[in-house]
Amino acid sequence: MRTARTSWRTCALGAAALAALLSSTACNPGIADTKNPTTPTPAATPTTTPSTAGTAQPSATTGAGPSAGGTVACNDNDLSITTSVWRQDSGQHLLITATNFTDKPCTLYHYPYIGFGAVIDGPLDPMGSAPQAIATIGPKEKAYAGLFLFRGSERTVAVEAVSIGYQDRALHSNKESAMLDVALSKEIGSLSVAADARVTYWNRDLGAVEDLLFRSGTR
């Protein structure tokens, strides 16, 4: 149909320029569109044409946030961090929630650097694969990361605080920067952590984090 519409326009312009020389049958739209002899579709139809932009691979300039392109990396000065656990959980998981309390968007790249002070060496290795979109959060918006702390048969130690750090666009950037200690919520008290604990990538979709954490056998 797109080819037919182009032919029709070309013919119409020729007729306007050479009206004195061409016969009335020279610009018959039916000849230009023999397979689809209906009236050509108007040019303003972008809403019916699928956009190829949505199929691009994720990058540092794409994301789930309202202003994902070109946003700066989040840091300690942009975020409020809270920790929580799930009811009826065996204590094997911890949820980290980051809330942007500024008036500008920022991006939580890759996964958080997590440590437990001198108790367990950090940062923890990531679990699962990176999400389809980076976690860009606007003012008052949230992103999540989850910790898988131990398996039932693993030896654990008790910790009462979590250390957290943030990456820039480049994977593994800022790894030598100091991490900030975050006290656990009073409802949690302390955590049991194994040496092989893992952390998920940042994600604005809490359900995706939970699915990864609670999927049987995933680490």
Protein backbone atom coordinates (compact mmCIF):
# COMPACT_ATOMS: atom_id res chain seq x y z
CA MET A 1 0.00 0.00 0.00
CA ARG A 2 2.96 2.30 0.70
CA THR A 3 4.22 1.86 -2.90
CA ALA A 4 0.78 2.64 -4.29
CA ARG A 5 0.53 5.85 -2.27
CA THR A 6 3.93 7.07 -3.56
CA SER A 7 2.90 6.42 -7.16
CA TRP A 8 -0.33 8.31 -6.71
CA ARG A 9 1.44 11.37 -5.31
CA THR A 10 4.02 11.41 -8.10
CA CYS A 11 1.28 11.23 -10.71
CA ALA A 12 -0.73 13.99 -9.06
CA LEU A 13 2.25 16.34 -9.00
CA GLY A 14 2.94 15.62 -12.68
CA ALA A 15 -0.61 16.44 -13.57
CA ALA A 16 -0.45 19.77 -11.74
CA ALA A 17 2.77 20.80 -13.47
CA LEU A 18 1.81 19.65 -16.99
CA ALA A 19 -1.92 20.09 -16.99
CA ALA A 20 -1.86 21.72 -20.40
CA LEU A 21 -0.02 18.81 -22.04
CA LEU A 22 -1.37 15.66 -20.41
CA SER A 23 -4.71 14.06 -21.16
CA SER A 24 -7.27 13.38 -18.49
CA THR A 25 -6.31 9.71 -18.43
CA ALA A 26 -2.60 10.24 -17.81
CA CYS A 27 -2.99 10.46 -14.05
CA ASN A 28 -5.60 7.85 -13.31
CA PRO A 29 -5.07 6.71 -9.66
CA GLY A 30 -6.59 3.37 -10.54
CA ILE A 31 -3.64 2.56 -12.78
CA ALA A 32 -1.09 3.37 -10.10
CA ASP A 33 -2.84 1.11 -7.57
CA THR A 34 -4.20 -1.83 -9.47
CA LYS A 35 -3.96 -4.26 -6.57
CA ASN A 36 -5.55 -1.88 -4.07
CA PRO A 37 -7.96 0.37 -6.04
CA THR A 38 -9.18 2.22 -2.94
CA THR A 39 -8.54 5.87 -2.20
CA PRO A 40 -4.89 6.30 -1.06
CA THR A 41 -4.36 6.55 2.65
CA PRO A 42 -3.57 10.12 3.88
CA ALA A 43 0.05 10.76 4.79
CA ALA A 44 -0.64 11.42 8.49
CA THR A 45 -0.92 7.80 9.71
CA PRO A 46 2.13 7.30 12.03
CA THR A 47 0.02 5.84 14.83
CA THR A 48 -0.78 2.75 12.77
CA THR A 49 2.84 2.05 11.84
CA PRO A 50 4.89 0.08 14.42
CA SER A 51 7.95 2.00 15.56
CA THR A 52 11.32 0.30 15.34
CA ALA A 53 12.69 2.45 18.15
CA GLY A 54 11.10 0.23 20.78
CA THR A 55 13.09 -2.79 19.63
CA ALA A 56 16.49 -1.25 20.26
CA GLN A 57 18.76 -3.03 22.70
CA PRO A 58 19.03 -1.51 26.20
CA SER A 59 21.85 0.95 26.70
CA ALA A 60 22.87 3.71 29.03
CA THR A 61 20.45 6.04 27.26
CA THR A 62 17.37 3.85 27.51
CA GLY A 63 15.44 2.95 30.60
CA ALA A 64 12.19 2.50 32.38
CA GLY A 65 12.10 5.98 33.89
CA PRO A 66 10.35 9.05 32.54
CA SER A 67 13.65 10.77 31.68
CA ALA A 68 16.02 7.88 31.19
CA GLY A 69 18.20 9.40 28.50
CA GLY A 70 21.33 11.13 29.70
CA THR A 71 20.53 11.05 33.43
CA VAL A 72 23.35 11.03 35.95
CA ALA A 73 24.10 8.10 38.20
CA CYS A 74 22.40 8.11 41.59
CA ASN A 75 24.57 8.49 44.66
CA ASP A 76 24.21 8.80 48.43
CA ASN A 77 23.02 12.40 48.12
CA ASP A 78 20.06 11.44 45.93
CA LEU A 79 18.63 8.44 47.75
CA SER A 80 16.84 7.29 50.84
CA ILE A 81 17.61 3.61 51.49
CA THR A 82 15.38 1.27 53.50
CA THR A 83 15.58 -2.46 54.19
CA SER A 84 12.75 -4.92 54.69
CA VAL A 85 11.97 -8.63 54.75
CA TRP A 86 9.02 -10.71 53.60
CA ARG A 87 6.48 -12.17 55.99
CA GLN A 88 6.64 -15.93 56.39
CA ASP A 89 10.11 -15.92 54.84
CA SER A 90 12.84 -18.00 56.42
CA GLY A 91 15.18 -15.01 56.70
CA GLN A 92 17.07 -15.95 53.55
CA HIS A 93 16.19 -12.74 51.68
CA LEU A 94 16.45 -8.98 52.17
CA LEU A 95 14.86 -6.23 50.09
CA ILE A 96 16.64 -2.92 49.53
CA THR A 97 14.45 -0.02 48.43
CA ALA A 98 16.01 3.15 47.02
CA THR A 99 13.82 6.27 46.82
CA ASN A 100 14.86 9.38 44.92
CA PHE A 101 14.19 12.34 47.23
CA THR A 102 15.59 15.02 44.89
CA ASP A 103 13.77 17.02 42.21
CA LYS A 104 15.72 15.48 39.32
CA PRO A 105 15.86 11.95 37.86
CA CYS A 106 18.91 9.76 38.33
CA THR A 107 19.84 6.24 37.30
CA LEU A 108 20.79 3.25 39.43
CA TYR A 109 23.16 1.43 37.09
CA HIS A 110 23.79 -2.31 37.13
CA TYR A 111 23.61 -3.67 40.71
CA PRO A 112 24.46 -2.18 44.12
CA TYR A 113 27.76 -2.88 45.80
CA ILE A 114 26.84 -4.70 48.99
CA GLY A 115 29.08 -5.57 51.91
CA PHE A 116 28.82 -6.39 55.57
CA GLY A 117 31.80 -4.54 56.97
CA ALA A 118 34.57 -6.75 58.29
CA VAL A 119 32.21 -9.68 58.83
CA ILE A 120 31.96 -10.77 55.17
CA ASP A 121 34.10 -9.46 52.35
CA GLY A 122 32.25 -7.45 49.70
CA PRO A 123 31.02 -6.39 47.33
CA LEU A 124 28.69 -9.30 46.66
CA ASP A 125 28.51 -10.84 43.21
CA PRO A 126 25.30 -10.29 41.21
CA MET A 127 22.67 -12.95 40.62
CA GLY A 128 20.55 -13.38 37.52
CA SER A 129 20.89 -11.27 34.39
CA ALA A 130 20.54 -7.53 33.84
CA PRO A 131 16.95 -6.30 33.31
CA GLN A 132 15.76 -5.09 29.91
CA ALA A 133 15.84 -1.44 31.02
CA ILE A 134 18.07 0.46 33.40
CA ALA A 135 16.53 1.74 36.62
CA THR A 136 16.04 5.47 36.07
CA ILE A 137 13.93 6.98 38.83
CA GLY A 138 12.35 10.41 38.96
CA PRO A 139 11.51 12.39 42.09
CA LYS A 140 9.87 10.19 44.76
CA GLU A 141 10.15 7.11 42.55
CA LYS A 142 11.65 3.83 43.76
CA ALA A 143 13.93 1.06 42.56
CA TYR A 144 14.66 -2.27 44.22
CA ALA A 145 17.44 -4.77 44.70
CA GLY A 146 17.20 -8.05 46.58
CA LEU A 147 19.71 -10.09 48.55
CA PHE A 148 19.79 -13.87 48.65
CA LEU A 149 21.57 -14.39 51.98
CA PHE A 150 22.01 -18.12 52.47
CA ARG A 151 20.86 -21.61 51.66
CA GLY A 152 19.43 -23.83 54.35
CA SER A 153 22.56 -25.96 54.64
CA GLU A 154 25.13 -23.15 54.60
CA ARG A 155 27.07 -21.85 57.57
CA THR A 156 26.09 -18.26 58.42
CA VAL A 157 27.18 -15.35 60.58
CA ALA A 158 24.99 -12.64 62.14
CA VAL A 159 25.23 -9.06 60.84
CA GLU A 160 23.42 -5.93 61.99
CA ALA A 161 24.20 -3.49 59.16
CA VAL A 162 24.56 -3.47 55.40
CA SER A 163 27.07 -1.40 53.44
CA ILE A 164 26.00 -0.08 50.02
CA GLY A 165 27.71 1.63 47.09
CA TYR A 166 26.66 2.65 43.57
CA GLN A 167 28.01 2.20 40.06
CA ASP A 168 28.25 4.67 37.19
CA ARG A 169 27.40 3.84 33.56
CA ALA A 170 30.47 1.64 33.20
CA LEU A 171 30.08 -1.81 34.72
CA HIS A 172 32.22 -2.30 37.85
CA SER A 173 32.93 1.44 38.13
CA ASN A 174 33.43 3.05 41.57
CA LYS A 175 34.40 -0.31 43.00
CA GLU A 176 37.13 1.26 45.13
CA SER A 177 34.85 3.97 46.53
CA ALA A 178 33.81 3.79 50.16
CA MET A 179 30.41 2.25 50.83
CA LEU A 180 27.84 3.75 53.20
CA ASP A 181 26.60 1.71 56.15
CA VAL A 182 22.82 1.37 56.34
CA ALA A 183 21.30 0.25 59.63
CA LEU A 184 18.78 -2.55 59.39
CA SER A 185 15.18 -1.81 60.25
CA LYS A 186 14.25 -2.40 63.88
CA GLU A 187 11.83 -5.11 62.80
CA ILE A 188 14.75 -7.04 61.29
CA GLY A 189 17.30 -6.76 64.07
CA SER A 190 20.04 -8.88 62.52
CA LEU A 191 20.59 -11.04 59.45
CA SER A 192 22.12 -14.45 58.95
CA VAL A 193 24.50 -14.25 55.99
CA ALA A 194 26.58 -16.90 54.25
CA ALA A 195 29.88 -16.30 52.50
CA ASP A 196 28.24 -16.92 49.12
CA ALA A 197 25.44 -14.34 49.42
CA ARG A 198 24.32 -12.61 46.19
CA VAL A 199 22.51 -9.42 45.12
CA THR A 200 20.14 -8.77 42.20
CA TYR A 201 20.42 -5.96 39.67
CA TRP A 202 18.51 -2.77 40.34
CA ASN A 203 14.98 -2.92 38.96
CA ARG A 204 11.96 -0.63 39.10
CA ASP A 205 9.75 -3.74 38.96
CA LEU A 206 9.47 -5.20 42.46
CA GLY A 207 7.75 -8.29 41.09
CA ALA A 208 10.74 -9.08 38.87
CA VAL A 209 13.08 -8.90 41.88
CA GLU A 210 10.83 -11.16 43.94
CA ASP A 211 10.51 -13.65 41.10
CA LEU A 212 14.28 -13.97 40.90
CA LEU A 213 14.84 -14.18 44.64
CA PHE A 214 12.21 -16.81 45.31
CA ARG A 215 12.72 -18.92 42.22
CA SER A 216 13.78 -22.35 43.41
CA GLY A 217 17.50 -23.02 43.08
CA THR A 218 18.40 -19.60 41.69
CA ARG A 219 21.57 -18.00 42.96
